[in-house]
């Protein structure tokens, strides 16, 4: 356990290991304060974390694993596109 003192500016230093992390600050009725580490997801990205989207992303990841990248033969692609036009 460490004892921290609130400085004149009203701040407490938690150390470099926690720098840049987000926290939820909970003030209890008795005056105690609890800090909980948090992961903040911007509102416009929340849809990516919905269960249905997570399932779709997992299927896409599986498809990518089953179908490795390969170089496209541009000449062959061009010929096939010309034949269908």
PDB file of N, CA and C in Angstrom:
ATOM      1  N   UNK A   1       0.848  -1.167   0.000  1.00  0.00           N
ATOM      2  CA  UNK A   1       0.000   0.000   0.000  1.00  0.00           C
ATOM      3  C   UNK A   1       0.896   1.233   0.000  1.00  0.00           C
ATOM      4  N   UNK A   2       0.496   2.216  -0.802  1.00  0.00           N
ATOM      5  CA  UNK A   2       1.201   3.491  -0.862  1.00  0.00           C
ATOM      6  C   UNK A   2       0.292   4.590  -0.349  1.00  0.00           C
ATOM      7  N   UNK A   3       0.882   5.583   0.257  1.00  0.00           N
ATOM      8  CA  UNK A   3       0.131   6.764   0.679  1.00  0.00           C
ATOM      9  C   UNK A   3       0.466   7.881  -0.296  1.00  0.00           C
ATOM     10  N   UNK A   4      -0.570   8.474  -0.867  1.00  0.00           N
ATOM     11  CA  UNK A   4      -0.407   9.578  -1.810  1.00  0.00           C
ATOM     12  C   UNK A   4      -1.003  10.833  -1.198  1.00  0.00           C
ATOM     13  N   UNK A   5      -0.376  11.956  -1.463  1.00  0.00           N
ATOM     14  CA  UNK A   5      -0.860  13.238  -0.962  1.00  0.00           C
ATOM     15  C   UNK A   5      -1.342  14.072  -2.136  1.00  0.00           C
ATOM     16  N   UNK A   6      -2.508  14.659  -1.973  1.00  0.00           N
ATOM     17  CA  UNK A   6      -3.042  15.537  -3.009  1.00  0.00           C
ATOM     18  C   UNK A   6      -2.237  16.827  -2.986  1.00  0.00           C
ATOM     19  N   UNK A   7      -1.706  17.192  -4.141  1.00  0.00           N
ATOM     20  CA  UNK A   7      -0.901  18.403  -4.241  1.00  0.00           C
ATOM     21  C   UNK A   7      -1.758  19.663  -4.240  1.00  0.00           C
ATOM     22  N   UNK A   8      -1.094  20.810  -4.257  1.00  0.00           N
ATOM     23  CA  UNK A   8      -1.790  22.100  -4.229  1.00  0.00           C
ATOM     24  C   UNK A   8      -2.720  22.282  -5.426  1.00  0.00           C
ATOM     25  N   UNK A   9      -2.404  21.615  -6.533  1.00  0.00           N
ATOM     26  CA  UNK A   9      -3.241  21.738  -7.732  1.00  0.00           C
ATOM     27  C   UNK A   9      -4.425  20.773  -7.704  1.00  0.00           C
ATOM     28  N   UNK A  10      -4.517  19.948  -6.663  1.00  0.00           N
ATOM     29  CA  UNK A  10      -5.624  19.002  -6.544  1.00  0.00           C
ATOM     30  C   UNK A  10      -5.380  17.689  -7.250  1.00  0.00           C
ATOM     31  N   UNK A  11      -4.133  17.417  -7.594  1.00  0.00           N
ATOM     32  CA  UNK A  11      -3.816  16.207  -8.340  1.00  0.00           C
ATOM     33  C   UNK A  11      -3.022  15.217  -7.493  1.00  0.00           C
ATOM     34  N   UNK A  12      -3.149  13.935  -7.886  1.00  0.00           N
ATOM     35  CA  UNK A  12      -2.373  12.853  -7.277  1.00  0.00           C
ATOM     36  C   UNK A  12      -1.613  12.164  -8.404  1.00  0.00           C
ATOM     37  N   UNK A  13      -0.346  11.915  -8.218  1.00  0.00           N
ATOM     38  CA  UNK A  13       0.440  11.186  -9.208  1.00  0.00           C
ATOM     39  C   UNK A  13       0.348   9.695  -8.907  1.00  0.00           C
ATOM     40  N   UNK A  14      -0.052   8.928  -9.918  1.00  0.00           N
ATOM     41  CA  UNK A  14      -0.148   7.477  -9.754  1.00  0.00           C
ATOM     42  C   UNK A  14       1.073   6.749 -10.302  1.00  0.00           C
ATOM     43  N   UNK A  15       1.953   7.459 -10.947  1.00  0.00           N
ATOM     44  CA  UNK A  15       3.173   6.865 -11.472  1.00  0.00           C
ATOM     45  C   UNK A  15       3.118   6.629 -12.966  1.00  0.00           C
ATOM     46  N   UNK A  16       4.285   6.473 -13.562  1.00  0.00           N
ATOM     47  CA  UNK A  16       4.400   6.347 -15.013  1.00  0.00           C
ATOM     48  C   UNK A  16       3.765   5.060 -15.542  1.00  0.00           C
ATOM     49  N   UNK A  17       3.706   4.017 -14.743  1.00  0.00           N
ATOM     50  CA  UNK A  17       3.131   2.749 -15.203  1.00  0.00           C
ATOM     51  C   UNK A  17       1.656   2.899 -15.568  1.00  0.00           C
ATOM     52  N   UNK A  18       0.974   3.879 -14.984  1.00  0.00           N
ATOM     53  CA  UNK A  18      -0.452   4.088 -15.253  1.00  0.00           C
ATOM     54  C   UNK A  18      -0.712   5.286 -16.166  1.00  0.00           C
ATOM     55  N   UNK A  19       0.350   5.914 -16.631  1.00  0.00           N
ATOM     56  CA  UNK A  19       0.203   7.093 -17.484  1.00  0.00           C
ATOM     57  C   UNK A  19      -0.586   6.748 -18.741  1.00  0.00           C
ATOM     58  N   UNK A  20      -1.534   7.589 -19.087  1.00  0.00           N
ATOM     59  CA  UNK A  20      -2.320   7.411 -20.297  1.00  0.00           C
ATOM     60  C   UNK A  20      -3.518   6.484 -20.153  1.00  0.00           C
ATOM     61  N   UNK A  21      -3.655   5.806 -19.019  1.00  0.00           N
ATOM     62  CA  UNK A  21      -4.792   4.907 -18.810  1.00  0.00           C
ATOM     63  C   UNK A  21      -6.018   5.707 -18.396  1.00  0.00           C
ATOM     64  N   UNK A  22      -7.185   5.149 -18.709  1.00  0.00           N
ATOM     65  CA  UNK A  22      -8.446   5.769 -18.300  1.00  0.00           C
ATOM     66  C   UNK A  22      -8.943   5.108 -17.026  1.00  0.00           C
ATOM     67  N   UNK A  23      -9.608   5.895 -16.198  1.00  0.00           N
ATOM     68  CA  UNK A  23     -10.121   5.405 -14.919  1.00  0.00           C
ATOM     69  C   UNK A  23     -11.534   5.921 -14.687  1.00  0.00           C
ATOM     70  N   UNK A  24     -12.300   5.141 -13.954  1.00  0.00           N
ATOM     71  CA  UNK A  24     -13.578   5.588 -13.419  1.00  0.00           C
ATOM     72  C   UNK A  24     -13.309   5.990 -11.976  1.00  0.00           C
ATOM     73  N   UNK A  25     -13.724   7.184 -11.617  1.00  0.00           N
ATOM     74  CA  UNK A  25     -13.542   7.663 -10.254  1.00  0.00           C
ATOM     75  C   UNK A  25     -14.890   7.559  -9.548  1.00  0.00           C
ATOM     76  N   UNK A  26     -14.933   6.743  -8.508  1.00  0.00           N
ATOM     77  CA  UNK A  26     -16.164   6.550  -7.751  1.00  0.00           C
ATOM     78  C   UNK A  26     -16.003   7.173  -6.372  1.00  0.00           C
ATOM     79  N   UNK A  27     -16.873   8.111  -6.074  1.00  0.00           N
ATOM     80  CA  UNK A  27     -16.846   8.760  -4.759  1.00  0.00           C
ATOM     81  C   UNK A  27     -17.915   8.117  -3.890  1.00  0.00           C
ATOM     82  N   UNK A  28     -17.503   7.529  -2.779  1.00  0.00           N
ATOM     83  CA  UNK A  28     -18.421   6.863  -1.864  1.00  0.00           C
ATOM     84  C   UNK A  28     -19.001   7.866  -0.867  1.00  0.00           C
ATOM     85  N   UNK A  29     -20.175   7.543  -0.284  1.00  0.00           N
ATOM     86  CA  UNK A  29     -20.817   8.478   0.651  1.00  0.00           C
ATOM     87  C   UNK A  29     -19.940   8.868   1.842  1.00  0.00           C
ATOM     88  N   UNK A  30     -19.047   7.964   2.253  1.00  0.00           N
ATOM     89  CA  UNK A  30     -18.198   8.274   3.413  1.00  0.00           C
ATOM     90  C   UNK A  30     -16.979   9.119   3.049  1.00  0.00           C
ATOM     91  N   UNK A  31     -16.864   9.507   1.754  1.00  0.00           N
ATOM     92  CA  UNK A  31     -15.744  10.341   1.329  1.00  0.00           C
ATOM     93  C   UNK A  31     -14.604   9.574   0.695  1.00  0.00           C
ATOM     94  N   UNK A  32     -14.613   8.236   0.805  1.00  0.00           N
ATOM     95  CA  UNK A  32     -13.572   7.445   0.156  1.00  0.00           C
ATOM     96  C   UNK A  32     -13.732   7.530  -1.367  1.00  0.00           C
ATOM     97  N   UNK A  33     -12.632   7.333  -2.043  1.00  0.00           N
ATOM     98  CA  UNK A  33     -12.617   7.380  -3.499  1.00  0.00           C
ATOM     99  C   UNK A  33     -12.043   6.061  -4.010  1.00  0.00           C
ATOM    100  N   UNK A  34     -12.700   5.501  -4.998  1.00  0.00           N
ATOM    101  CA  UNK A  34     -12.221   4.271  -5.636  1.00  0.00           C
ATOM    102  C   UNK A  34     -11.918   4.593  -7.089  1.00  0.00           C
ATOM    103  N   UNK A  35     -10.723   4.218  -7.534  1.00  0.00           N
ATOM    104  CA  UNK A  35     -10.349   4.345  -8.939  1.00  0.00           C
ATOM    105  C   UNK A  35     -10.384   2.963  -9.561  1.00  0.00           C
ATOM    106  N   UNK A  36     -11.091   2.845 -10.676  1.00  0.00           N
ATOM    107  CA  UNK A  36     -11.158   1.576 -11.404  1.00  0.00           C
ATOM    108  C   UNK A  36     -10.645   1.807 -12.808  1.00  0.00           C
ATOM    109  N   UNK A  37      -9.707   0.958 -13.242  1.00  0.00           N
ATOM    110  CA  UNK A  37      -9.222   1.081 -14.614  1.00  0.00           C
ATOM    111  C   UNK A  37     -10.379   0.818 -15.569  1.00  0.00           C
ATOM    112  N   UNK A  38     -10.410   1.550 -16.661  1.00  0.00           N
ATOM    113  CA  UNK A  38     -11.512   1.436 -17.613  1.00  0.00           C
ATOM    114  C   UNK A  38     -10.993   1.422 -19.040  1.00  0.00           C
ATOM    115  N   UNK A  39     -11.755   0.797 -19.895  1.00  0.00           N
ATOM    116  CA  UNK A  39     -11.505   0.872 -21.327  1.00  0.00           C
ATOM    117  C   UNK A  39     -12.631   1.713 -21.902  1.00  0.00           C
ATOM    118  N   UNK A  40     -12.283   2.789 -22.554  1.00  0.00           N
ATOM    119  CA  UNK A  40     -13.276   3.702 -23.093  1.00  0.00           C
ATOM    120  C   UNK A  40     -13.404   3.447 -24.593  1.00  0.00           C
ATOM    121  N   UNK A  41     -14.624   3.187 -25.025  1.00  0.00           N
ATOM    122  CA  UNK A  41     -14.902   2.948 -26.439  1.00  0.00           C
ATOM    123  C   UNK A  41     -15.703   4.147 -26.959  1.00  0.00           C
ATOM    124  N   UNK A  42     -15.193   4.833 -27.967  1.00  0.00           N
ATOM    125  CA  UNK A  42     -15.943   5.964 -28.516  1.00  0.00           C
ATOM    126  C   UNK A  42     -17.325   5.506 -28.989  1.00  0.00           C
ATOM    127  N   UNK A  43     -18.323   6.362 -28.824  1.00  0.00           N
ATOM    128  CA  UNK A  43     -19.706   6.010 -29.170  1.00  0.00           C
ATOM    129  C   UNK A  43     -19.837   5.575 -30.625  1.00  0.00           C
ATOM    130  N   UNK A  44     -19.103   6.219 -31.527  1.00  0.00           N
ATOM    131  CA  UNK A  44     -19.236   5.871 -32.944  1.00  0.00           C
ATOM    132  C   UNK A  44     -18.518   4.567 -33.307  1.00  0.00           C
ATOM    133  N   UNK A  45     -17.825   3.928 -32.348  1.00  0.00           N
ATOM    134  CA  UNK A  45     -17.166   2.634 -32.586  1.00  0.00           C
ATOM    135  C   UNK A  45     -17.811   1.509 -31.777  1.00  0.00           C
ATOM    136  N   UNK A  46     -18.827   1.848 -31.003  1.00  0.00           N
ATOM    137  CA  UNK A  46     -19.454   0.854 -30.123  1.00  0.00           C
ATOM    138  C   UNK A  46     -20.029  -0.315 -30.904  1.00  0.00           C
ATOM    139  N   UNK A  47     -20.563  -0.055 -32.099  1.00  0.00           N
ATOM    140  CA  UNK A  47     -21.173  -1.104 -32.911  1.00  0.00           C
ATOM    141  C   UNK A  47     -20.206  -2.245 -33.202  1.00  0.00           C
ATOM    142  N   UNK A  48     -18.917  -1.944 -33.247  1.00  0.00           N
ATOM    143  CA  UNK A  48     -17.911  -2.992 -33.507  1.00  0.00           C
ATOM    144  C   UNK A  48     -17.840  -4.024 -32.380  1.00  0.00           C
ATOM    145  N   UNK A  49     -18.321  -3.656 -31.206  1.00  0.00           N
ATOM    146  CA  UNK A  49     -18.226  -4.526 -30.031  1.00  0.00           C
ATOM    147  C   UNK A  49     -19.541  -5.224 -29.708  1.00  0.00           C
ATOM    148  N   UNK A  50     -20.560  -5.016 -30.536  1.00  0.00           N
ATOM    149  CA  UNK A  50     -21.835  -5.702 -30.340  1.00  0.00           C
ATOM    150  C   UNK A  50     -21.659  -7.183 -30.700  1.00  0.00           C
ATOM    151  N   UNK A  51     -22.363  -8.089 -30.004  1.00  0.00           N
ATOM    152  CA  UNK A  51     -22.194  -9.534 -30.247  1.00  0.00           C
ATOM    153  C   UNK A  51     -22.382  -9.951 -31.711  1.00  0.00           C
ATOM    154  N   UNK A  52     -23.393  -9.412 -32.382  1.00  0.00           N
ATOM    155  CA  UNK A  52     -23.627  -9.797 -33.778  1.00  0.00           C
ATOM    156  C   UNK A  52     -22.437  -9.406 -34.660  1.00  0.00           C
ATOM    157  N   UNK A  53     -21.887  -8.227 -34.430  1.00  0.00           N
ATOM    158  CA  UNK A  53     -20.731  -7.793 -35.231  1.00  0.00           C
ATOM    159  C   UNK A  53     -19.497  -8.610 -34.881  1.00  0.00           C
ATOM    160  N   UNK A  54     -19.320  -8.950 -33.623  1.00  0.00           N
ATOM    161  CA  UNK A  54     -18.186  -9.784 -33.225  1.00  0.00           C
ATOM    162  C   UNK A  54     -18.246 -11.139 -33.932  1.00  0.00           C
ATOM    163  N   UNK A  55     -19.453 -11.691 -34.079  1.00  0.00           N
ATOM    164  CA  UNK A  55     -19.622 -12.955 -34.795  1.00  0.00           C
ATOM    165  C   UNK A  55     -19.261 -12.801 -36.272  1.00  0.00           C
ATOM    166  N   UNK A  56     -19.714 -11.714 -36.877  1.00  0.00           N
ATOM    167  CA  UNK A  56     -19.378 -11.466 -38.293  1.00  0.00           C
ATOM    168  C   UNK A  56     -17.875 -11.292 -38.481  1.00  0.00           C
ATOM    169  N   UNK A  57     -17.255 -10.558 -37.566  1.00  0.00           N
ATOM    170  CA  UNK A  57     -15.804 -10.352 -37.656  1.00  0.00           C
ATOM    171  C   UNK A  57     -15.052 -11.668 -37.468  1.00  0.00           C
ATOM    172  N   UNK A  58     -15.538 -12.526 -36.575  1.00  0.00           N
ATOM    173  CA  UNK A  58     -14.897 -13.833 -36.363  1.00  0.00           C
ATOM    174  C   UNK A  58     -15.005 -14.681 -37.627  1.00  0.00           C
ATOM    175  N   UNK A  59     -16.181 -14.641 -38.291  1.00  0.00           N
ATOM    176  CA  UNK A  59     -16.333 -15.391 -39.552  1.00  0.00           C
ATOM    177  C   UNK A  59     -15.396 -14.840 -40.624  1.00  0.00           C
ATOM    178  N   UNK A  60     -15.278 -13.528 -40.691  1.00  0.00           N
ATOM    179  CA  UNK A  60     -14.384 -12.911 -41.677  1.00  0.00           C
ATOM    180  C   UNK A  60     -12.937 -13.305 -41.405  1.00  0.00           C
ATOM    181  N   UNK A  61     -12.554 -13.324 -40.133  1.00  0.00           N
ATOM    182  CA  UNK A  61     -11.186 -13.724 -39.758  1.00  0.00           C
ATOM    183  C   UNK A  61     -10.920 -15.175 -40.165  1.00  0.00           C
ATOM    184  N   UNK A  62     -11.904 -16.043 -39.931  1.00  0.00           N
ATOM    185  CA  UNK A  62     -11.774 -17.462 -40.312  1.00  0.00           C
ATOM    186  C   UNK A  62     -11.624 -17.578 -41.820  1.00  0.00           C
ATOM    187  N   UNK A  63     -12.444 -16.827 -42.576  1.00  0.00           N
ATOM    188  CA  UNK A  63     -12.354 -16.854 -44.031  1.00  0.00           C
ATOM    189  C   UNK A  63     -10.962 -16.429 -44.491  1.00  0.00           C
ATOM    190  N   UNK A  64     -10.441 -15.377 -43.873  1.00  0.00           N
ATOM    191  CA  UNK A  64      -9.097 -14.909 -44.245  1.00  0.00           C
ATOM    192  C   UNK A  64      -8.035 -15.967 -43.962  1.00  0.00           C
ATOM    193  N   UNK A  65      -8.193 -16.693 -42.862  1.00  0.00           N
ATOM    194  CA  UNK A  65      -7.229 -17.756 -42.542  1.00  0.00           C
ATOM    195  C   UNK A  65      -7.315 -18.896 -43.551  1.00  0.00           C
ATOM    196  N   UNK A  66      -8.527 -19.188 -44.021  1.00  0.00           N
ATOM    197  CA  UNK A  66      -8.733 -20.279 -44.981  1.00  0.00           C
ATOM    198  C   UNK A  66      -8.410 -19.877 -46.417  1.00  0.00           C
ATOM    199  N   UNK A  67      -8.307 -18.594 -46.685  1.00  0.00           N
ATOM    200  CA  UNK A  67      -8.038 -18.081 -48.031  1.00  0.00           C
ATOM    201  C   UNK A  67      -6.868 -17.106 -47.968  1.00  0.00           C
ATOM    202  N   UNK A  68      -5.644 -17.627 -47.939  1.00  0.00           N
ATOM    203  CA  UNK A  68      -4.481 -16.742 -47.796  1.00  0.00           C
ATOM    204  C   UNK A  68      -4.352 -15.781 -48.987  1.00  0.00           C
ATOM    205  N   UNK A  69      -3.723 -14.655 -48.721  1.00  0.00           N
ATOM    206  CA  UNK A  69      -3.489 -13.670 -49.760  1.00  0.00           C
ATOM    207  C   UNK A  69      -2.603 -14.255 -50.847  1.00  0.00           C
ATOM    208  N   UNK A  70      -2.876 -13.855 -52.077  1.00  0.00           N
ATOM    209  CA  UNK A  70      -1.998 -14.232 -53.176  1.00  0.00           C
ATOM    210  C   UNK A  70      -1.946 -13.070 -54.157  1.00  0.00           C
ATOM    211  N   UNK A  71      -0.858 -12.994 -54.881  1.00  0.00           N
ATOM    212  CA  UNK A  71      -0.679 -11.894 -55.819  1.00  0.00           C
ATOM    213  C   UNK A  71      -1.645 -12.055 -56.982  1.00  0.00           C
ATOM    214  N   UNK A  72      -2.233 -10.941 -57.397  1.00  0.00           N
ATOM    215  CA  UNK A  72      -3.160 -10.948 -58.525  1.00  0.00           C
ATOM    216  C   UNK A  72      -2.390 -10.817 -59.824  1.00  0.00           C
ATOM    217  N   UNK A  73      -2.739 -11.674 -60.775  1.00  0.00           N
ATOM    218  CA  UNK A  73      -2.174 -11.581 -62.125  1.00  0.00           C
ATOM    219  C   UNK A  73      -3.008 -10.542 -62.867  1.00  0.00           C
ATOM    220  N   UNK A  74      -2.500  -9.332 -62.956  1.00  0.00           N
ATOM    221  CA  UNK A  74      -3.250  -8.211 -63.525  1.00  0.00           C
ATOM    222  C   UNK A  74      -3.638  -8.470 -64.976  1.00  0.00           C
ATOM    223  N   UNK A  75      -2.735  -9.025 -65.769  1.00  0.00           N
ATOM    224  CA  UNK A  75      -3.042  -9.293 -67.177  1.00  0.00           C
ATOM    225  C   UNK A  75      -4.198 -10.283 -67.306  1.00  0.00           C
ATOM    226  N   UNK A  76      -4.165 -11.327 -66.507  1.00  0.00           N
ATOM    227  CA  UNK A  76      -5.232 -12.340 -66.538  1.00  0.00           C
ATOM    228  C   UNK A  76      -6.567 -11.728 -66.086  1.00  0.00           C
ATOM    229  N   UNK A  77      -6.518 -10.908 -65.057  1.00  0.00           N
ATOM    230  CA  UNK A  77      -7.725 -10.245 -64.571  1.00  0.00           C
ATOM    231  C   UNK A  77      -8.294  -9.318 -65.646  1.00  0.00           C
ATOM    232  N   UNK A  78      -7.414  -8.571 -66.286  1.00  0.00           N
ATOM    233  CA  UNK A  78      -7.855  -7.658 -67.338  1.00  0.00           C
ATOM    234  C   UNK A  78      -8.502  -8.427 -68.487  1.00  0.00           C
ATOM    235  N   UNK A  79      -7.892  -9.554 -68.864  1.00  0.00           N
ATOM    236  CA  UNK A  79      -8.446 -10.383 -69.943  1.00  0.00           C
ATOM    237  C   UNK A  79      -9.827 -10.919 -69.559  1.00  0.00           C
ATOM    238  N   UNK A  80      -9.977 -11.370 -68.306  1.00  0.00           N
ATOM    239  CA  UNK A  80     -11.266 -11.916 -67.888  1.00  0.00           C
ATOM    240  C   UNK A  80     -12.335 -10.832 -67.829  1.00  0.00           C
ATOM    241  N   UNK A  81     -11.956  -9.624 -67.460  1.00  0.00           N
ATOM    242  CA  UNK A  81     -12.915  -8.519 -67.423  1.00  0.00           C
ATOM    243  C   UNK A  81     -13.299  -8.081 -68.837  1.00  0.00           C
ATOM    244  N   UNK A  82     -12.356  -8.118 -69.756  1.00  0.00           N
ATOM    245  CA  UNK A  82     -12.631  -7.752 -71.157  1.00  0.00           C
ATOM    246  C   UNK A  82     -13.556  -8.769 -71.799  1.00  0.00           C
ATOM    247  N   UNK A  83     -13.403 -10.035 -71.432  1.00  0.00           N
ATOM    248  CA  UNK A  83     -14.222 -11.099 -72.021  1.00  0.00           C
ATOM    249  C   UNK A  83     -15.679 -11.000 -71.568  1.00  0.00           C
ATOM    250  N   UNK A  84     -15.922 -10.442 -70.403  1.00  0.00           N
ATOM    251  CA  UNK A  84     -17.303 -10.352 -69.900  1.00  0.00           C
ATOM    252  C   UNK A  84     -17.960  -9.047 -70.316  1.00  0.00           C
ATOM    253  N   UNK A  85     -17.196  -8.099 -70.824  1.00  0.00           N
ATOM    254  CA  UNK A  85     -17.771  -6.790 -71.180  1.00  0.00           C
ATOM    255  C   UNK A  85     -18.422  -6.796 -72.533  1.00  0.00           C
TER     256      UNK A  85
END
